[in-house]
Amino acid sequence: MDEIRIVTRADDMGVAPNANRAIIETLTRGIARNVSVLTGAPFFEEAAELLQGLPGIDVGVHFALNAEWDNLRWGPVLPADQVRSLVDEHGHFFKTAMELHERGANPEQMLAEAHAQIQRARAFGLTPSYLDVHMGVDWVGRITERLARLCRAEGLLFAPPIGARLPQPPDGLKAEPDRFVAQLERAAPGLYACVGHPMYDDEEARPFSLSGSPPGEVGRDRDGQRRMFVDARVLAVVQKRGIRPIRYGEA
């Protein structure tokens, strides 16, 4: 097929009001066609409300068993005493998949939590069409195949990485959306994927940090990922080259 198609996905909806607003912008004014929602995150309920009735997108459950932020913690959808191997002494997820592995995560509890996260999305009025995995945590407990079977049983697409890698941008380009524009300009016909974690670079983003990152770094980086989907230069090259952003269900 002589066409460039890109599965465009905005991740981590529910983590903060800032992220929720930014992701809605990418879905309504930009080229994002898929949104992955953290059903256990602190602002999931707001996210679910914002997504109600939004046309032309695929909603996914962003299956999470870790909460990687330095200063933002959350835990499972299930009661902590039902998934004790997945949480710390405060009932929160561990920061990394490796820590979850080292603490001896129980695969049955992992799958039970996956099912609960799917059910919570539905309970709040969402109709998820796929499930993807936050930070690749499914290697823990070797649950990938069992997770795929759960998705099939629930009528969901299991959405591992899809499509080819976009071409490398020139070495001098370090920031988004400049890199993304260059990649789109170089892309040959085919199927690609682009995943971003949109936020606004504002005061709400200042406290966010990952592994001791400097103040403001997360906001700047994730605002660049927002602009990957909405920047006028991105929209222009998409139109000029006839690039088609698509949902998982269209891939």
C-alpha atoms as a PDB file:
ATOM      1  CA  MET A   1       0.000   0.000   0.000  1.00  0.00           C
ATOM      2  CA  ASP A   2       1.460   3.343  -1.087  1.00  0.00           C
ATOM      3  CA  GLU A   3       0.472   5.169   2.083  1.00  0.00           C
ATOM      4  CA  ILE A   4       2.020   6.254   5.357  1.00  0.00           C
ATOM      5  CA  ARG A   5      -0.115   5.174   8.304  1.00  0.00           C
ATOM      6  CA  ILE A   6       0.754   5.915  11.921  1.00  0.00           C
ATOM      7  CA  VAL A   7      -0.857   4.484  15.042  1.00  0.00           C
ATOM      8  CA  THR A   8      -0.769   7.585  17.231  1.00  0.00           C
ATOM      9  CA  ARG A   9      -1.211   7.019  20.968  1.00  0.00           C
ATOM     10  CA  ALA A  10      -1.322   9.310  23.983  1.00  0.00           C
ATOM     11  CA  ASP A  11      -0.340   7.537  27.215  1.00  0.00           C
ATOM     12  CA  ASP A  12      -0.808   7.990  30.958  1.00  0.00           C
ATOM     13  CA  MET A  13      -4.196   9.679  30.990  1.00  0.00           C
ATOM     14  CA  GLY A  14      -5.364   9.833  34.589  1.00  0.00           C
ATOM     15  CA  VAL A  15      -2.017  10.655  36.169  1.00  0.00           C
ATOM     16  CA  ALA A  16      -2.779  14.384  36.627  1.00  0.00           C
ATOM     17  CA  PRO A  17      -5.319  17.032  35.556  1.00  0.00           C
ATOM     18  CA  ASN A  18      -2.518  18.605  33.505  1.00  0.00           C
ATOM     19  CA  ALA A  19      -2.031  15.367  31.561  1.00  0.00           C
ATOM     20  CA  ASN A  20      -5.765  14.878  31.155  1.00  0.00           C
ATOM     21  CA  ARG A  21      -6.224  18.300  29.580  1.00  0.00           C
ATOM     22  CA  ALA A  22      -3.190  17.939  27.342  1.00  0.00           C
ATOM     23  CA  ILE A  23      -4.286  14.537  26.086  1.00  0.00           C
ATOM     24  CA  ILE A  24      -7.789  15.776  25.294  1.00  0.00           C
ATOM     25  CA  GLU A  25      -6.163  18.506  23.197  1.00  0.00           C
ATOM     26  CA  THR A  26      -4.149  15.931  21.243  1.00  0.00           C
ATOM     27  CA  LEU A  27      -7.305  13.894  20.600  1.00  0.00           C
ATOM     28  CA  THR A  28      -9.541  16.786  19.564  1.00  0.00           C
ATOM     29  CA  ARG A  29      -7.136  19.229  17.895  1.00  0.00           C
ATOM     30  CA  GLY A  30      -4.243  16.982  16.958  1.00  0.00           C
ATOM     31  CA  ILE A  31      -3.421  13.639  15.389  1.00  0.00           C
ATOM     32  CA  ALA A  32      -3.705  11.298  18.408  1.00  0.00           C
ATOM     33  CA  ARG A  33      -6.197   8.520  17.641  1.00  0.00           C
ATOM     34  CA  ASN A  34      -5.632   6.236  20.649  1.00  0.00           C
ATOM     35  CA  VAL A  35      -5.554   7.022  24.355  1.00  0.00           C
ATOM     36  CA  SER A  36      -4.244   4.709  27.073  1.00  0.00           C
ATOM     37  CA  VAL A  37      -5.789   5.300  30.489  1.00  0.00           C
ATOM     38  CA  LEU A  38      -4.335   4.459  33.906  1.00  0.00           C
ATOM     39  CA  THR A  39      -7.483   3.227  35.629  1.00  0.00           C
ATOM     40  CA  GLY A  40      -5.870   3.169  39.085  1.00  0.00           C
ATOM     41  CA  ALA A  41      -4.187   6.563  38.880  1.00  0.00           C
ATOM     42  CA  PRO A  42      -5.345   9.481  41.058  1.00  0.00           C
ATOM     43  CA  PHE A  43      -7.229  11.383  38.329  1.00  0.00           C
ATOM     44  CA  PHE A  44      -8.722   8.488  36.403  1.00  0.00           C
ATOM     45  CA  GLU A  45     -12.308   9.469  37.211  1.00  0.00           C
ATOM     46  CA  GLU A  46     -11.756  12.911  35.707  1.00  0.00           C
ATOM     47  CA  ALA A  47     -10.150  11.285  32.668  1.00  0.00           C
ATOM     48  CA  ALA A  48     -13.129   8.976  32.184  1.00  0.00           C
ATOM     49  CA  GLU A  49     -15.520  11.920  32.324  1.00  0.00           C
ATOM     50  CA  LEU A  50     -13.514  13.887  29.770  1.00  0.00           C
ATOM     51  CA  LEU A  51     -13.488  10.945  27.370  1.00  0.00           C
ATOM     52  CA  GLN A  52     -17.229  10.357  27.408  1.00  0.00           C
ATOM     53  CA  GLY A  53     -18.672  10.491  23.891  1.00  0.00           C
ATOM     54  CA  LEU A  54     -15.413  11.529  22.240  1.00  0.00           C
ATOM     55  CA  PRO A  55     -15.672  10.224  18.665  1.00  0.00           C
ATOM     56  CA  GLY A  56     -13.065   8.669  16.400  1.00  0.00           C
ATOM     57  CA  ILE A  57     -10.657   7.300  18.991  1.00  0.00           C
ATOM     58  CA  ASP A  58      -9.761   3.969  20.545  1.00  0.00           C
ATOM     59  CA  VAL A  59      -9.587   3.916  24.335  1.00  0.00           C
ATOM     60  CA  GLY A  60      -7.177   1.467  25.931  1.00  0.00           C
ATOM     61  CA  VAL A  61      -6.459   0.230  29.432  1.00  0.00           C
ATOM     62  CA  HIS A  62      -2.856   1.136  30.228  1.00  0.00           C
ATOM     63  CA  PHE A  63      -2.207  -1.886  32.441  1.00  0.00           C
ATOM     64  CA  ALA A  64       0.082  -0.718  35.240  1.00  0.00           C
ATOM     65  CA  LEU A  65       1.711  -2.533  38.132  1.00  0.00           C
ATOM     66  CA  ASN A  66       4.242   0.152  38.967  1.00  0.00           C
ATOM     67  CA  ALA A  67       4.120   3.871  39.711  1.00  0.00           C
ATOM     68  CA  GLU A  68       7.439   5.323  38.626  1.00  0.00           C
ATOM     69  CA  TRP A  69       7.202   8.915  39.871  1.00  0.00           C
ATOM     70  CA  ASP A  70       9.353  10.207  42.716  1.00  0.00           C
ATOM     71  CA  ASN A  71       6.519  12.147  44.325  1.00  0.00           C
ATOM     72  CA  LEU A  72       3.287  10.599  43.068  1.00  0.00           C
ATOM     73  CA  ARG A  73       2.169   7.223  44.401  1.00  0.00           C
ATOM     74  CA  TRP A  74      -0.836   5.053  43.748  1.00  0.00           C
ATOM     75  CA  GLY A  75      -1.760   1.427  44.094  1.00  0.00           C
ATOM     76  CA  PRO A  76      -3.975  -1.297  42.707  1.00  0.00           C
ATOM     77  CA  VAL A  77      -7.645  -1.207  41.809  1.00  0.00           C
ATOM     78  CA  LEU A  78      -8.161  -4.310  43.917  1.00  0.00           C
ATOM     79  CA  PRO A  79      -7.901  -4.022  47.715  1.00  0.00           C
ATOM     80  CA  ALA A  80      -4.248  -4.156  48.687  1.00  0.00           C
ATOM     81  CA  ASP A  81      -4.745  -7.181  50.922  1.00  0.00           C
ATOM     82  CA  GLN A  82      -5.880  -9.173  47.881  1.00  0.00           C
ATOM     83  CA  VAL A  83      -2.708  -8.403  45.905  1.00  0.00           C
ATOM     84  CA  ARG A  84      -0.173  -8.151  48.712  1.00  0.00           C
ATOM     85  CA  SER A  85       2.752  -9.263  46.520  1.00  0.00           C
ATOM     86  CA  LEU A  86       2.238  -6.226  44.260  1.00  0.00           C
ATOM     87  CA  VAL A  87       2.422  -3.452  46.835  1.00  0.00           C
ATOM     88  CA  ASP A  88       4.661  -1.932  49.468  1.00  0.00           C
ATOM     89  CA  GLU A  89       3.842  -1.446  53.137  1.00  0.00           C
ATOM     90  CA  HIS A  90       1.711   1.602  52.266  1.00  0.00           C
ATOM     91  CA  GLY A  91      -0.381  -0.258  49.691  1.00  0.00           C
ATOM     92  CA  HIS A  92       1.340   1.515  46.789  1.00  0.00           C
ATOM     93  CA  PHE A  93       2.846   0.013  43.672  1.00  0.00           C
ATOM     94  CA  PHE A  94       6.631  -0.222  43.573  1.00  0.00           C
ATOM     95  CA  LYS A  95       8.458   2.291  41.412  1.00  0.00           C
ATOM     96  CA  THR A  96       9.943  -0.163  38.911  1.00  0.00           C
ATOM     97  CA  ALA A  97       9.170  -3.497  37.317  1.00  0.00           C
ATOM     98  CA  MET A  98      12.513  -4.797  38.600  1.00  0.00           C
ATOM     99  CA  GLU A  99      11.531  -4.023  42.180  1.00  0.00           C
ATOM    100  CA  LEU A 100       8.207  -5.773  41.618  1.00  0.00           C
ATOM    101  CA  HIS A 101      10.099  -8.798  40.320  1.00  0.00           C
ATOM    102  CA  GLU A 102      12.558  -8.783  43.212  1.00  0.00           C
ATOM    103  CA  ARG A 103       9.687  -8.639  45.724  1.00  0.00           C
ATOM    104  CA  GLY A 104       8.270 -11.865  44.271  1.00  0.00           C
ATOM    105  CA  ALA A 105       5.141 -10.695  42.443  1.00  0.00           C
ATOM    106  CA  ASN A 106       2.509 -13.413  42.234  1.00  0.00           C
ATOM    107  CA  PRO A 107       1.362 -13.966  38.610  1.00  0.00           C
ATOM    108  CA  GLU A 108      -2.182 -14.825  39.699  1.00  0.00           C
ATOM    109  CA  GLN A 109      -2.434 -11.535  41.557  1.00  0.00           C
ATOM    110  CA  MET A 110      -1.009  -9.683  38.556  1.00  0.00           C
ATOM    111  CA  LEU A 111      -3.678 -11.124  36.262  1.00  0.00           C
ATOM    112  CA  ALA A 112      -6.430 -10.494  38.804  1.00  0.00           C
ATOM    113  CA  GLU A 113      -5.359  -6.846  38.932  1.00  0.00           C
ATOM    114  CA  ALA A 114      -5.352  -6.665  35.121  1.00  0.00           C
ATOM    115  CA  HIS A 115      -8.931  -7.906  35.053  1.00  0.00           C
ATOM    116  CA  ALA A 116      -9.920  -5.404  37.745  1.00  0.00           C
ATOM    117  CA  GLN A 117      -8.384  -2.523  35.797  1.00  0.00           C
ATOM    118  CA  ILE A 118     -10.382  -3.507  32.705  1.00  0.00           C
ATOM    119  CA  GLN A 119     -13.564  -3.718  34.757  1.00  0.00           C
ATOM    120  CA  ARG A 120     -12.964  -0.327  36.349  1.00  0.00           C
ATOM    121  CA  ALA A 121     -12.667   1.307  32.941  1.00  0.00           C
ATOM    122  CA  ARG A 122     -16.051  -0.122  32.011  1.00  0.00           C
ATOM    123  CA  ALA A 123     -17.611   0.791  35.350  1.00  0.00           C
ATOM    124  CA  PHE A 124     -16.834   4.450  34.658  1.00  0.00           C
ATOM    125  CA  GLY A 125     -18.488   4.444  31.246  1.00  0.00           C
ATOM    126  CA  LEU A 126     -15.517   3.718  29.005  1.00  0.00           C
ATOM    127  CA  THR A 127     -15.575   1.081  26.275  1.00  0.00           C
ATOM    128  CA  PRO A 128     -11.963  -0.020  25.979  1.00  0.00           C
ATOM    129  CA  SER A 129     -10.960  -1.662  22.721  1.00  0.00           C
ATOM    130  CA  TYR A 130      -7.400  -2.597  23.638  1.00  0.00           C
ATOM    131  CA  LEU A 131      -4.997  -3.126  26.509  1.00  0.00           C
ATOM    132  CA  ASP A 132      -1.345  -2.137  26.481  1.00  0.00           C
ATOM    133  CA  VAL A 133       1.313  -2.527  29.164  1.00  0.00           C
ATOM    134  CA  HIS A 134       2.775   0.340  31.168  1.00  0.00           C
ATOM    135  CA  MET A 135       6.584   0.222  31.119  1.00  0.00           C
ATOM    136  CA  GLY A 136       6.690  -3.390  29.893  1.00  0.00           C
ATOM    137  CA  VAL A 137       5.805  -4.840  33.279  1.00  0.00           C
ATOM    138  CA  ASP A 138       4.382  -8.058  31.781  1.00  0.00           C
ATOM    139  CA  TRP A 139       7.833  -9.682  31.745  1.00  0.00           C
ATOM    140  CA  VAL A 140       7.498  -9.989  35.497  1.00  0.00           C
ATOM    141  CA  GLY A 141       5.978 -13.386  36.243  1.00  0.00           C
ATOM    142  CA  ARG A 142       6.119 -14.212  32.518  1.00  0.00           C
ATOM    143  CA  ILE A 143       2.462 -13.293  32.131  1.00  0.00           C
ATOM    144  CA  THR A 144       2.542 -11.971  28.546  1.00  0.00           C
ATOM    145  CA  GLU A 145       0.752 -14.931  26.954  1.00  0.00           C
ATOM    146  CA  ARG A 146      -1.730 -15.199  29.806  1.00  0.00           C
ATOM    147  CA  LEU A 147      -2.394 -11.467  29.571  1.00  0.00           C
ATOM    148  CA  ALA A 148      -3.050 -11.850  25.844  1.00  0.00           C
ATOM    149  CA  ARG A 149      -5.526 -14.647  26.590  1.00  0.00           C
ATOM    150  CA  LEU A 150      -7.269 -12.454  29.159  1.00  0.00           C
ATOM    151  CA  CYS A 151      -7.613  -9.729  26.536  1.00  0.00           C
ATOM    152  CA  ARG A 152      -9.131 -12.151  24.041  1.00  0.00           C
ATOM    153  CA  ALA A 153     -11.597 -13.363  26.668  1.00  0.00           C
ATOM    154  CA  GLU A 154     -12.549  -9.738  27.398  1.00  0.00           C
ATOM    155  CA  GLY A 155     -12.913  -8.839  23.705  1.00  0.00           C
ATOM    156  CA  LEU A 156      -9.886  -6.536  23.738  1.00  0.00           C
ATOM    157  CA  LEU A 157      -6.986  -6.221  21.371  1.00  0.00           C
ATOM    158  CA  PHE A 158      -3.699  -6.906  23.125  1.00  0.00           C
ATOM    159  CA  ALA A 159      -1.554  -4.071  21.838  1.00  0.00           C
ATOM    160  CA  PRO A 160       2.162  -4.798  21.952  1.00  0.00           C
ATOM    161  CA  PRO A 161       4.502  -2.631  19.816  1.00  0.00           C
ATOM    162  CA  ILE A 162       3.211  -2.308  16.251  1.00  0.00           C
ATOM    163  CA  GLY A 163       4.654  -1.187  12.927  1.00  0.00           C
ATOM    164  CA  ALA A 164       8.127  -0.180  11.835  1.00  0.00           C
ATOM    165  CA  ARG A 165      10.330   2.411  13.483  1.00  0.00           C
ATOM    166  CA  LEU A 166      10.175   5.886  12.017  1.00  0.00           C
ATOM    167  CA  PRO A 167      13.428   7.020  10.359  1.00  0.00           C
ATOM    168  CA  GLN A 168      16.090   8.582  12.538  1.00  0.00           C
ATOM    169  CA  PRO A 169      16.018  12.397  12.528  1.00  0.00           C
ATOM    170  CA  PRO A 170      19.185  14.402  11.882  1.00  0.00           C
ATOM    171  CA  ASP A 171      21.697  14.266  14.752  1.00  0.00           C
ATOM    172  CA  GLY A 172      21.349  17.949  15.497  1.00  0.00           C
ATOM    173  CA  LEU A 173      17.683  17.692  16.398  1.00  0.00           C
ATOM    174  CA  LYS A 174      17.316  16.962  20.107  1.00  0.00           C
ATOM    175  CA  ALA A 175      13.801  18.102  21.030  1.00  0.00           C
ATOM    176  CA  GLU A 176      10.225  17.411  20.050  1.00  0.00           C
ATOM    177  CA  PRO A 177       8.372  18.238  17.910  1.00  0.00           C
ATOM    178  CA  ASP A 178      11.356  19.088  15.675  1.00  0.00           C
ATOM    179  CA  ARG A 179      12.486  15.456  15.667  1.00  0.00           C
ATOM    180  CA  PHE A 180       9.020  14.174  14.818  1.00  0.00           C
ATOM    181  CA  VAL A 181       8.596  16.598  11.920  1.00  0.00           C
ATOM    182  CA  ALA A 182      11.903  15.412  10.445  1.00  0.00           C
ATOM    183  CA  GLN A 183      10.901  11.770  10.895  1.00  0.00           C
ATOM    184  CA  LEU A 184       7.593  12.315   9.122  1.00  0.00           C
ATOM    185  CA  GLU A 185       9.342  14.080   6.261  1.00  0.00           C
ATOM    186  CA  ARG A 186      11.698  11.092   5.821  1.00  0.00           C
ATOM    187  CA  ALA A 187       9.157   8.288   6.252  1.00  0.00           C
ATOM    188  CA  ALA A 188       8.541   5.855   3.410  1.00  0.00           C
ATOM    189  CA  PRO A 189       5.112   4.292   2.851  1.00  0.00           C
ATOM    190  CA  GLY A 190       4.264   1.757   5.543  1.00  0.00           C
ATOM    191  CA  LEU A 191       2.834   1.311   9.024  1.00  0.00           C
ATOM    192  CA  TYR A 192       4.439   3.086  11.979  1.00  0.00           C
ATOM    193  CA  ALA A 193       3.596   3.914  15.575  1.00  0.00           C
ATOM    194  CA  CYS A 194       4.099   7.030  17.670  1.00  0.00           C
ATOM    195  CA  VAL A 195       3.547   7.033  21.437  1.00  0.00           C
ATOM    196  CA  GLY A 196       3.686  10.195  23.525  1.00  0.00           C
ATOM    197  CA  HIS A 197       2.940  11.222  27.107  1.00  0.00           C
ATOM    198  CA  PRO A 198       1.398  14.674  26.749  1.00  0.00           C
ATOM    199  CA  MET A 199       1.454  17.260  29.504  1.00  0.00           C
ATOM    200  CA  TYR A 200       1.659  21.044  29.627  1.00  0.00           C
ATOM    201  CA  ASP A 201       4.810  22.737  30.810  1.00  0.00           C
ATOM    202  CA  ASP A 202       3.195  24.750  33.583  1.00  0.00           C
ATOM    203  CA  GLU A 203       3.259  25.104  37.363  1.00  0.00           C
ATOM    204  CA  GLU A 204       1.292  21.896  37.817  1.00  0.00           C
ATOM    205  CA  ALA A 205       4.065  19.970  36.073  1.00  0.00           C
ATOM    206  CA  ARG A 206       6.910  21.450  38.157  1.00  0.00           C
ATOM    207  CA  PRO A 207       6.758  18.919  41.028  1.00  0.00           C
ATOM    208  CA  PHE A 208       6.885  15.910  38.696  1.00  0.00           C
ATOM    209  CA  SER A 209      10.232  14.124  38.674  1.00  0.00           C
ATOM    210  CA  LEU A 210      11.592  10.765  37.569  1.00  0.00           C
ATOM    211  CA  SER A 211      14.652   9.263  39.270  1.00  0.00           C
ATOM    212  CA  GLY A 212      15.663  12.624  40.669  1.00  0.00           C
ATOM    213  CA  SER A 213      15.348  14.544  37.396  1.00  0.00           C
ATOM    214  CA  PRO A 214      15.963  18.303  37.662  1.00  0.00           C
ATOM    215  CA  PRO A 215      12.964  20.544  38.430  1.00  0.00           C
ATOM    216  CA  GLY A 216      11.024  21.359  35.286  1.00  0.00           C
ATOM    217  CA  GLU A 217      12.586  18.663  33.102  1.00  0.00           C
ATOM    218  CA  VAL A 218       9.516  16.416  33.031  1.00  0.00           C
ATOM    219  CA  GLY A 219       7.235  19.298  32.101  1.00  0.00           C
ATOM    220  CA  ARG A 220       9.486  20.442  29.272  1.00  0.00           C
ATOM    221  CA  ASP A 221       9.925  16.944  27.901  1.00  0.00           C
ATOM    222  CA  ARG A 222       6.262  16.006  28.059  1.00  0.00           C
ATOM    223  CA  ASP A 223       5.133  19.313  26.630  1.00  0.00           C
ATOM    224  CA  GLY A 224       7.308  18.440  23.644  1.00  0.00           C
ATOM    225  CA  GLN A 225       5.476  15.132  23.431  1.00  0.00           C
ATOM    226  CA  ARG A 226       2.167  17.029  23.480  1.00  0.00           C
ATOM    227  CA  ARG A 227       3.334  19.191  20.599  1.00  0.00           C
ATOM    228  CA  MET A 228       4.279  16.069  18.611  1.00  0.00           C
ATOM    229  CA  PHE A 229       0.538  15.664  18.097  1.00  0.00           C
ATOM    230  CA  VAL A 230      -0.686  19.273  17.798  1.00  0.00           C
ATOM    231  CA  ASP A 231       2.134  21.491  16.488  1.00  0.00           C
ATOM    232  CA  ALA A 232       1.238  23.356  13.289  1.00  0.00           C
ATOM    233  CA  ARG A 233       4.358  21.993  11.562  1.00  0.00           C
ATOM    234  CA  VAL A 234       3.329  18.428  12.337  1.00  0.00           C
ATOM    235  CA  LEU A 235      -0.193  19.024  11.044  1.00  0.00           C
ATOM    236  CA  ALA A 236       1.235  20.613   7.904  1.00  0.00           C
ATOM    237  CA  VAL A 237       3.557  17.721   7.027  1.00  0.00           C
ATOM    238  CA  VAL A 238       0.776  15.216   7.758  1.00  0.00           C
ATOM    239  CA  GLN A 239      -1.465  17.024   5.292  1.00  0.00           C
ATOM    240  CA  LYS A 240       1.268  17.596   2.695  1.00  0.00           C
ATOM    241  CA  ARG A 241       2.347  13.955   2.607  1.00  0.00           C
ATOM    242  CA  GLY A 242      -1.121  12.427   2.979  1.00  0.00           C
ATOM    243  CA  ILE A 243      -0.126  10.695   6.220  1.00  0.00           C
ATOM    244  CA  ARG A 244      -3.022   8.909   7.907  1.00  0.00           C
ATOM    245  CA  PRO A 245      -3.102   8.740  11.716  1.00  0.00           C
ATOM    246  CA  ILE A 246      -5.073   5.631  12.681  1.00  0.00           C
ATOM    247  CA  ARG A 247      -6.621   3.756  15.581  1.00  0.00           C
ATOM    248  CA  TYR A 248      -5.437   0.317  16.653  1.00  0.00           C
ATOM    249  CA  GLY A 249      -8.643  -1.050  15.223  1.00  0.00           C
ATOM    250  CA  GLU A 250      -7.658   0.220  11.772  1.00  0.00           C
ATOM    251  CA  ALA A 251      -4.106  -1.181  11.773  1.00  0.00           C
END
